[in-house]
Amino acid sequence: MEASVSRVGVLDKGIAVLGALERSPCSLAGLVTATGLSRPTAHRLAVALEAHGLVRRDERGRFALGLRLAVLGRAATEGVPLAEAARPALEALRDETGESAQLYVRAGDRRVCVAALESPHGLRTIVPLGASLPLDRGSAGRVLQGDRGGRKRWVESVAEREAGVASVSAAVLDGNGGVRAAVSVSGPVERTTRAPGRRYGAAVARAARTVEAAAGGG
């Protein structure tokens, strides 16, 4: 196998396994040949990727690309142009609230961060671009599951996904009224308080409407 690209060896090896399967399904022996990994390492990585839905077994028991990749690929394809359209609104939201701003899209039973701007404060919430997070915790997850917050048009959460962190999210709708994405602000409870919607809800809802207009939805 070639030298590490990312300097995170296990990640590079996992990507090598996926790259080998991009061409065609492989037996374990085929993976070893294609990647240059040892048999135990190739097997361990393939099984770990299978547990995450990134690899599956075909009818012959060979390793093949998993269906979760299709879901993530669709989210990435849809999310990139939306993220570009949303950036000015997210910048304005971050500047108005002083907190970190994010844009999430749904990918199966997860939510993926397709845009993230950090708060200027030293103590801040950091959500990496591309982070895959659960739908069942946090305000953005609830929005992407269809909770639009009623008349107030925003949803809040406090310490649901991470202790000491609060967030407020609002839905970005498509042309048919479906939820296309979620705009969020998040920060430490020390600043947001335990009622973050009272402080940031209106700004988040406005940002979501601005993103809709920029993306041609709503």
C-alpha atoms as a PDB file:
ATOM      1  CA  MET A   1       0.000   0.000   0.000  1.00  0.00           C
ATOM      2  CA  GLU A   2       1.210   3.572  -0.756  1.00  0.00           C
ATOM      3  CA  ALA A   3       2.310   5.992   1.971  1.00  0.00           C
ATOM      4  CA  SER A   4      -0.373   7.583   4.088  1.00  0.00           C
ATOM      5  CA  VAL A   5      -2.276  10.387   2.397  1.00  0.00           C
ATOM      6  CA  SER A   6      -4.092  11.800   5.426  1.00  0.00           C
ATOM      7  CA  ARG A   7      -1.514  10.774   8.069  1.00  0.00           C
ATOM      8  CA  VAL A   8      -4.290   8.762   9.712  1.00  0.00           C
ATOM      9  CA  GLY A   9      -3.232   5.297   8.696  1.00  0.00           C
ATOM     10  CA  VAL A  10      -6.396   3.380   9.548  1.00  0.00           C
ATOM     11  CA  LEU A  11      -8.499   5.877   7.598  1.00  0.00           C
ATOM     12  CA  ASP A  12      -6.265   5.581   4.540  1.00  0.00           C
ATOM     13  CA  LYS A  13      -6.493   1.800   4.719  1.00  0.00           C
ATOM     14  CA  GLY A  14     -10.272   1.934   4.999  1.00  0.00           C
ATOM     15  CA  ILE A  15     -10.449   4.192   1.947  1.00  0.00           C
ATOM     16  CA  ALA A  16      -8.185   1.746   0.109  1.00  0.00           C
ATOM     17  CA  VAL A  17     -10.714  -1.016   0.817  1.00  0.00           C
ATOM     18  CA  LEU A  18     -13.570   1.123  -0.526  1.00  0.00           C
ATOM     19  CA  GLY A  19     -11.474   2.031  -3.563  1.00  0.00           C
ATOM     20  CA  ALA A  20     -10.876  -1.617  -4.350  1.00  0.00           C
ATOM     21  CA  LEU A  21     -14.609  -2.331  -4.120  1.00  0.00           C
ATOM     22  CA  GLU A  22     -15.400   0.616  -6.396  1.00  0.00           C
ATOM     23  CA  ARG A  23     -14.228  -1.484  -9.324  1.00  0.00           C
ATOM     24  CA  SER A  24     -16.090  -4.675  -8.447  1.00  0.00           C
ATOM     25  CA  PRO A  25     -17.018  -6.911  -5.482  1.00  0.00           C
ATOM     26  CA  CYS A  26     -14.046  -8.751  -4.008  1.00  0.00           C
ATOM     27  CA  SER A  27     -13.384 -11.827  -1.980  1.00  0.00           C
ATOM     28  CA  LEU A  28     -11.080 -11.359   0.989  1.00  0.00           C
ATOM     29  CA  ALA A  29      -8.193 -12.643  -1.121  1.00  0.00           C
ATOM     30  CA  GLY A  30      -9.087 -10.140  -3.809  1.00  0.00           C
ATOM     31  CA  LEU A  31      -9.062  -7.316  -1.266  1.00  0.00           C
ATOM     32  CA  VAL A  32      -5.620  -8.351  -0.077  1.00  0.00           C
ATOM     33  CA  THR A  33      -4.315  -8.330  -3.646  1.00  0.00           C
ATOM     34  CA  ALA A  34      -5.973  -5.025  -4.574  1.00  0.00           C
ATOM     35  CA  THR A  35      -4.959  -3.098  -1.451  1.00  0.00           C
ATOM     36  CA  GLY A  36      -1.660  -4.643  -0.444  1.00  0.00           C
ATOM     37  CA  LEU A  37      -2.984  -4.996   3.099  1.00  0.00           C
ATOM     38  CA  SER A  38      -2.374  -8.068   5.205  1.00  0.00           C
ATOM     39  CA  ARG A  39      -5.212 -10.574   5.284  1.00  0.00           C
ATOM     40  CA  PRO A  40      -6.136  -9.892   8.959  1.00  0.00           C
ATOM     41  CA  THR A  41      -6.104  -6.104   8.393  1.00  0.00           C
ATOM     42  CA  ALA A  42      -8.175  -6.290   5.207  1.00  0.00           C
ATOM     43  CA  HIS A  43     -10.725  -8.526   6.920  1.00  0.00           C
ATOM     44  CA  ARG A  44     -10.935  -6.354  10.050  1.00  0.00           C
ATOM     45  CA  LEU A  45     -11.475  -3.169   8.038  1.00  0.00           C
ATOM     46  CA  ALA A  46     -13.998  -4.708   5.653  1.00  0.00           C
ATOM     47  CA  VAL A  47     -16.054  -6.079   8.542  1.00  0.00           C
ATOM     48  CA  ALA A  48     -15.897  -2.735  10.386  1.00  0.00           C
ATOM     49  CA  LEU A  49     -17.062  -0.898   7.258  1.00  0.00           C
ATOM     50  CA  GLU A  50     -19.823  -3.461   6.868  1.00  0.00           C
ATOM     51  CA  ALA A  51     -21.033  -2.677  10.392  1.00  0.00           C
ATOM     52  CA  HIS A  52     -21.448   0.961   9.330  1.00  0.00           C
ATOM     53  CA  GLY A  53     -23.291   0.085   6.121  1.00  0.00           C
ATOM     54  CA  LEU A  54     -20.426   1.232   3.898  1.00  0.00           C
ATOM     55  CA  VAL A  55     -19.682  -2.335   2.806  1.00  0.00           C
ATOM     56  CA  ARG A  56     -22.071  -5.281   2.306  1.00  0.00           C
ATOM     57  CA  ARG A  57     -21.849  -8.911   1.173  1.00  0.00           C
ATOM     58  CA  ASP A  58     -23.241  -9.908  -2.203  1.00  0.00           C
ATOM     59  CA  GLU A  59     -25.043 -13.166  -2.977  1.00  0.00           C
ATOM     60  CA  ARG A  60     -21.679 -14.948  -3.349  1.00  0.00           C
ATOM     61  CA  GLY A  61     -20.397 -13.685  -0.003  1.00  0.00           C
ATOM     62  CA  ARG A  62     -17.992 -11.219  -1.576  1.00  0.00           C
ATOM     63  CA  PHE A  63     -17.453  -7.749  -0.149  1.00  0.00           C
ATOM     64  CA  ALA A  64     -19.192  -4.972  -2.123  1.00  0.00           C
ATOM     65  CA  LEU A  65     -19.936  -1.282  -1.655  1.00  0.00           C
ATOM     66  CA  GLY A  66     -22.712  -0.719   0.893  1.00  0.00           C
ATOM     67  CA  LEU A  67     -25.996   1.014   0.242  1.00  0.00           C
ATOM     68  CA  ARG A  68     -25.275   3.701   2.817  1.00  0.00           C
ATOM     69  CA  LEU A  69     -22.748   5.132   0.375  1.00  0.00           C
ATOM     70  CA  ALA A  70     -25.593   5.831  -2.049  1.00  0.00           C
ATOM     71  CA  VAL A  71     -27.455   7.747   0.648  1.00  0.00           C
ATOM     72  CA  LEU A  72     -24.376   9.739   1.626  1.00  0.00           C
ATOM     73  CA  GLY A  73     -23.542  10.395  -2.005  1.00  0.00           C
ATOM     74  CA  ARG A  74     -27.004  11.761  -2.657  1.00  0.00           C
ATOM     75  CA  ALA A  75     -26.774  13.995   0.412  1.00  0.00           C
ATOM     76  CA  ALA A  76     -23.385  15.289  -0.714  1.00  0.00           C
ATOM     77  CA  THR A  77     -24.576  15.957  -4.257  1.00  0.00           C
ATOM     78  CA  GLU A  78     -27.651  17.815  -3.048  1.00  0.00           C
ATOM     79  CA  GLY A  79     -25.885  19.526  -0.172  1.00  0.00           C
ATOM     80  CA  VAL A  80     -22.988  21.186  -1.992  1.00  0.00           C
ATOM     81  CA  PRO A  81     -24.957  23.669  -4.145  1.00  0.00           C
ATOM     82  CA  LEU A  82     -27.326  24.281  -1.243  1.00  0.00           C
ATOM     83  CA  ALA A  83     -24.397  25.006   1.055  1.00  0.00           C
ATOM     84  CA  GLU A  84     -22.992  27.502  -1.424  1.00  0.00           C
ATOM     85  CA  ALA A  85     -26.347  29.269  -1.673  1.00  0.00           C
ATOM     86  CA  ALA A  86     -26.705  29.258   2.120  1.00  0.00           C
ATOM     87  CA  ARG A  87     -23.304  30.668   3.012  1.00  0.00           C
ATOM     88  CA  PRO A  88     -24.231  34.394   3.029  1.00  0.00           C
ATOM     89  CA  ALA A  89     -27.233  33.699   5.265  1.00  0.00           C
ATOM     90  CA  LEU A  90     -25.121  31.556   7.600  1.00  0.00           C
ATOM     91  CA  GLU A  91     -22.460  34.268   7.815  1.00  0.00           C
ATOM     92  CA  ALA A  92     -25.125  36.833   8.701  1.00  0.00           C
ATOM     93  CA  LEU A  93     -26.611  34.451  11.275  1.00  0.00           C
ATOM     94  CA  ARG A  94     -23.242  33.833  12.913  1.00  0.00           C
ATOM     95  CA  ASP A  95     -22.501  37.547  13.029  1.00  0.00           C
ATOM     96  CA  GLU A  96     -25.932  38.407  14.440  1.00  0.00           C
ATOM     97  CA  THR A  97     -25.949  35.726  17.138  1.00  0.00           C
ATOM     98  CA  GLY A  98     -22.232  35.423  17.818  1.00  0.00           C
ATOM     99  CA  GLU A  99     -22.631  31.639  17.798  1.00  0.00           C
ATOM    100  CA  SER A 100     -21.580  28.865  15.428  1.00  0.00           C
ATOM    101  CA  ALA A 101     -23.916  28.324  12.473  1.00  0.00           C
ATOM    102  CA  GLN A 102     -24.503  25.108  10.525  1.00  0.00           C
ATOM    103  CA  LEU A 103     -26.527  23.697   7.663  1.00  0.00           C
ATOM    104  CA  TYR A 104     -27.598  20.040   7.814  1.00  0.00           C
ATOM    105  CA  VAL A 105     -29.208  17.723   5.280  1.00  0.00           C
ATOM    106  CA  ARG A 106     -30.688  14.306   5.948  1.00  0.00           C
ATOM    107  CA  ALA A 107     -28.859  11.164   4.877  1.00  0.00           C
ATOM    108  CA  GLY A 108     -30.994   8.155   5.749  1.00  0.00           C
ATOM    109  CA  ASP A 109     -31.175   7.893   9.528  1.00  0.00           C
ATOM    110  CA  ARG A 110     -28.411  10.473  10.025  1.00  0.00           C
ATOM    111  CA  ARG A 111     -27.880  14.163   9.427  1.00  0.00           C
ATOM    112  CA  VAL A 112     -24.810  15.490   7.647  1.00  0.00           C
ATOM    113  CA  CYS A 113     -23.278  18.926   8.177  1.00  0.00           C
ATOM    114  CA  VAL A 114     -22.748  20.455   4.712  1.00  0.00           C
ATOM    115  CA  ALA A 115     -21.783  23.958   5.899  1.00  0.00           C
ATOM    116  CA  ALA A 116     -20.298  25.157   9.187  1.00  0.00           C
ATOM    117  CA  LEU A 117     -19.148  28.565  10.381  1.00  0.00           C
ATOM    118  CA  GLU A 118     -17.525  28.890  13.802  1.00  0.00           C
ATOM    119  CA  SER A 119     -18.323  31.466  16.452  1.00  0.00           C
ATOM    120  CA  PRO A 120     -15.592  34.050  17.077  1.00  0.00           C
ATOM    121  CA  HIS A 121     -15.668  33.234  20.797  1.00  0.00           C
ATOM    122  CA  GLY A 122     -12.898  31.141  22.284  1.00  0.00           C
ATOM    123  CA  LEU A 123     -15.495  28.873  23.902  1.00  0.00           C
ATOM    124  CA  ARG A 124     -17.635  27.700  21.009  1.00  0.00           C
ATOM    125  CA  THR A 125     -19.334  24.740  19.398  1.00  0.00           C
ATOM    126  CA  ILE A 126     -17.340  23.109  16.604  1.00  0.00           C
ATOM    127  CA  VAL A 127     -19.152  20.828  14.159  1.00  0.00           C
ATOM    128  CA  PRO A 128     -16.755  19.565  11.463  1.00  0.00           C
ATOM    129  CA  LEU A 129     -17.826  19.883   7.857  1.00  0.00           C
ATOM    130  CA  GLY A 130     -19.122  16.480   6.768  1.00  0.00           C
ATOM    131  CA  ALA A 131     -19.921  15.369  10.322  1.00  0.00           C
ATOM    132  CA  SER A 132     -22.568  12.630  10.379  1.00  0.00           C
ATOM    133  CA  LEU A 133     -24.773  12.973  13.465  1.00  0.00           C
ATOM    134  CA  PRO A 134     -27.869  11.169  14.771  1.00  0.00           C
ATOM    135  CA  LEU A 135     -31.370  12.345  13.906  1.00  0.00           C
ATOM    136  CA  ASP A 136     -32.818  11.500  17.300  1.00  0.00           C
ATOM    137  CA  ARG A 137     -30.800  14.044  19.286  1.00  0.00           C
ATOM    138  CA  GLY A 138     -30.541  17.790  18.760  1.00  0.00           C
ATOM    139  CA  SER A 139     -32.814  20.421  17.275  1.00  0.00           C
ATOM    140  CA  ALA A 140     -31.566  19.954  13.688  1.00  0.00           C
ATOM    141  CA  GLY A 141     -32.364  16.253  13.821  1.00  0.00           C
ATOM    142  CA  ARG A 142     -35.905  16.951  14.902  1.00  0.00           C
ATOM    143  CA  VAL A 143     -36.341  19.522  12.145  1.00  0.00           C
ATOM    144  CA  LEU A 144     -35.125  17.061   9.514  1.00  0.00           C
ATOM    145  CA  GLN A 145     -37.662  14.544  10.809  1.00  0.00           C
ATOM    146  CA  GLY A 146     -40.453  17.050  10.134  1.00  0.00           C
ATOM    147  CA  ASP A 147     -40.782  19.118  13.316  1.00  0.00           C
ATOM    148  CA  ARG A 148     -41.108  22.718  12.064  1.00  0.00           C
ATOM    149  CA  GLY A 149     -41.740  24.255  15.446  1.00  0.00           C
ATOM    150  CA  GLY A 150     -45.331  25.280  14.804  1.00  0.00           C
ATOM    151  CA  ARG A 151     -46.114  28.979  14.532  1.00  0.00           C
ATOM    152  CA  LYS A 152     -42.743  30.029  15.932  1.00  0.00           C
ATOM    153  CA  ARG A 153     -40.987  28.130  13.079  1.00  0.00           C
ATOM    154  CA  TRP A 154     -37.972  27.044  15.122  1.00  0.00           C
ATOM    155  CA  VAL A 155     -36.992  24.137  17.389  1.00  0.00           C
ATOM    156  CA  GLU A 156     -34.597  24.274  20.345  1.00  0.00           C
ATOM    157  CA  SER A 157     -32.623  21.676  22.259  1.00  0.00           C
ATOM    158  CA  VAL A 158     -30.454  21.800  25.366  1.00  0.00           C
ATOM    159  CA  ALA A 159     -27.790  19.176  26.117  1.00  0.00           C
ATOM    160  CA  GLU A 160     -29.493  16.538  23.940  1.00  0.00           C
ATOM    161  CA  ARG A 161     -26.532  15.532  21.788  1.00  0.00           C
ATOM    162  CA  GLU A 162     -23.702  16.936  23.879  1.00  0.00           C
ATOM    163  CA  ALA A 163     -23.616  18.051  27.508  1.00  0.00           C
ATOM    164  CA  GLY A 164     -23.379  21.808  27.963  1.00  0.00           C
ATOM    165  CA  VAL A 165     -24.422  22.632  24.392  1.00  0.00           C
ATOM    166  CA  ALA A 166     -27.701  24.164  23.212  1.00  0.00           C
ATOM    167  CA  SER A 167     -28.989  24.736  19.694  1.00  0.00           C
ATOM    168  CA  VAL A 168     -31.822  26.281  17.722  1.00  0.00           C
ATOM    169  CA  SER A 169     -32.819  25.091  14.243  1.00  0.00           C
ATOM    170  CA  ALA A 170     -35.316  25.952  11.540  1.00  0.00           C
ATOM    171  CA  ALA A 171     -36.407  24.140   8.393  1.00  0.00           C
ATOM    172  CA  VAL A 172     -35.370  25.103   4.874  1.00  0.00           C
ATOM    173  CA  LEU A 173     -38.282  24.074   2.674  1.00  0.00           C
ATOM    174  CA  ASP A 174     -38.291  22.991  -0.952  1.00  0.00           C
ATOM    175  CA  GLY A 175     -40.735  24.132  -3.600  1.00  0.00           C
ATOM    176  CA  ASN A 176     -43.289  21.531  -2.491  1.00  0.00           C
ATOM    177  CA  GLY A 177     -43.166  22.465   1.172  1.00  0.00           C
ATOM    178  CA  GLY A 178     -40.990  19.517   2.188  1.00  0.00           C
ATOM    179  CA  VAL A 179     -38.039  19.874   4.543  1.00  0.00           C
ATOM    180  CA  ARG A 180     -34.893  20.197   2.469  1.00  0.00           C
ATOM    181  CA  ALA A 181     -32.365  21.141   5.158  1.00  0.00           C
ATOM    182  CA  ALA A 182     -32.008  22.580   8.644  1.00  0.00           C
ATOM    183  CA  VAL A 183     -30.286  25.841   9.566  1.00  0.00           C
ATOM    184  CA  SER A 184     -28.856  25.833  13.105  1.00  0.00           C
ATOM    185  CA  VAL A 185     -26.973  27.893  15.616  1.00  0.00           C
ATOM    186  CA  SER A 186     -25.289  26.187  18.547  1.00  0.00           C
ATOM    187  CA  GLY A 187     -23.191  27.233  21.470  1.00  0.00           C
ATOM    188  CA  PRO A 188     -22.387  26.677  25.135  1.00  0.00           C
ATOM    189  CA  VAL A 189     -25.321  26.887  27.521  1.00  0.00           C
ATOM    190  CA  GLU A 190     -23.409  29.523  29.500  1.00  0.00           C
ATOM    191  CA  ARG A 191     -24.152  31.973  26.672  1.00  0.00           C
ATOM    192  CA  THR A 192     -27.227  30.565  24.982  1.00  0.00           C
ATOM    193  CA  THR A 193     -29.032  29.949  28.320  1.00  0.00           C
ATOM    194  CA  ARG A 194     -31.371  26.999  28.720  1.00  0.00           C
ATOM    195  CA  ALA A 195     -33.961  28.755  26.557  1.00  0.00           C
ATOM    196  CA  PRO A 196     -31.890  29.429  23.425  1.00  0.00           C
ATOM    197  CA  GLY A 197     -34.936  29.821  21.201  1.00  0.00           C
ATOM    198  CA  ARG A 198     -35.960  32.949  23.085  1.00  0.00           C
ATOM    199  CA  ARG A 199     -32.620  34.513  22.175  1.00  0.00           C
ATOM    200  CA  TYR A 200     -31.928  33.124  18.697  1.00  0.00           C
ATOM    201  CA  GLY A 201     -35.146  31.618  17.327  1.00  0.00           C
ATOM    202  CA  ALA A 202     -36.279  34.588  15.250  1.00  0.00           C
ATOM    203  CA  ALA A 203     -32.825  35.016  13.680  1.00  0.00           C
ATOM    204  CA  VAL A 204     -32.584  31.316  12.809  1.00  0.00           C
ATOM    205  CA  ALA A 205     -36.045  31.305  11.231  1.00  0.00           C
ATOM    206  CA  ARG A 206     -35.158  34.389   9.151  1.00  0.00           C
ATOM    207  CA  ALA A 207     -31.926  32.733   8.019  1.00  0.00           C
ATOM    208  CA  ALA A 208     -33.845  29.634   6.909  1.00  0.00           C
ATOM    209  CA  ARG A 209     -36.216  31.763   4.816  1.00  0.00           C
ATOM    210  CA  THR A 210     -33.203  33.559   3.287  1.00  0.00           C
ATOM    211  CA  VAL A 211     -31.636  30.226   2.360  1.00  0.00           C
ATOM    212  CA  GLU A 212     -34.892  29.114   0.761  1.00  0.00           C
ATOM    213  CA  ALA A 213     -34.985  32.254  -1.369  1.00  0.00           C
ATOM    214  CA  ALA A 214     -31.320  31.916  -2.367  1.00  0.00           C
ATOM    215  CA  ALA A 215     -31.775  28.242  -3.280  1.00  0.00           C
ATOM    216  CA  GLY A 216     -35.022  28.797  -5.157  1.00  0.00           C
ATOM    217  CA  GLY A 217     -37.201  26.879  -2.696  1.00  0.00           C
ATOM    218  CA  GLY A 218     -40.280  27.784  -0.660  1.00  0.00           C
END
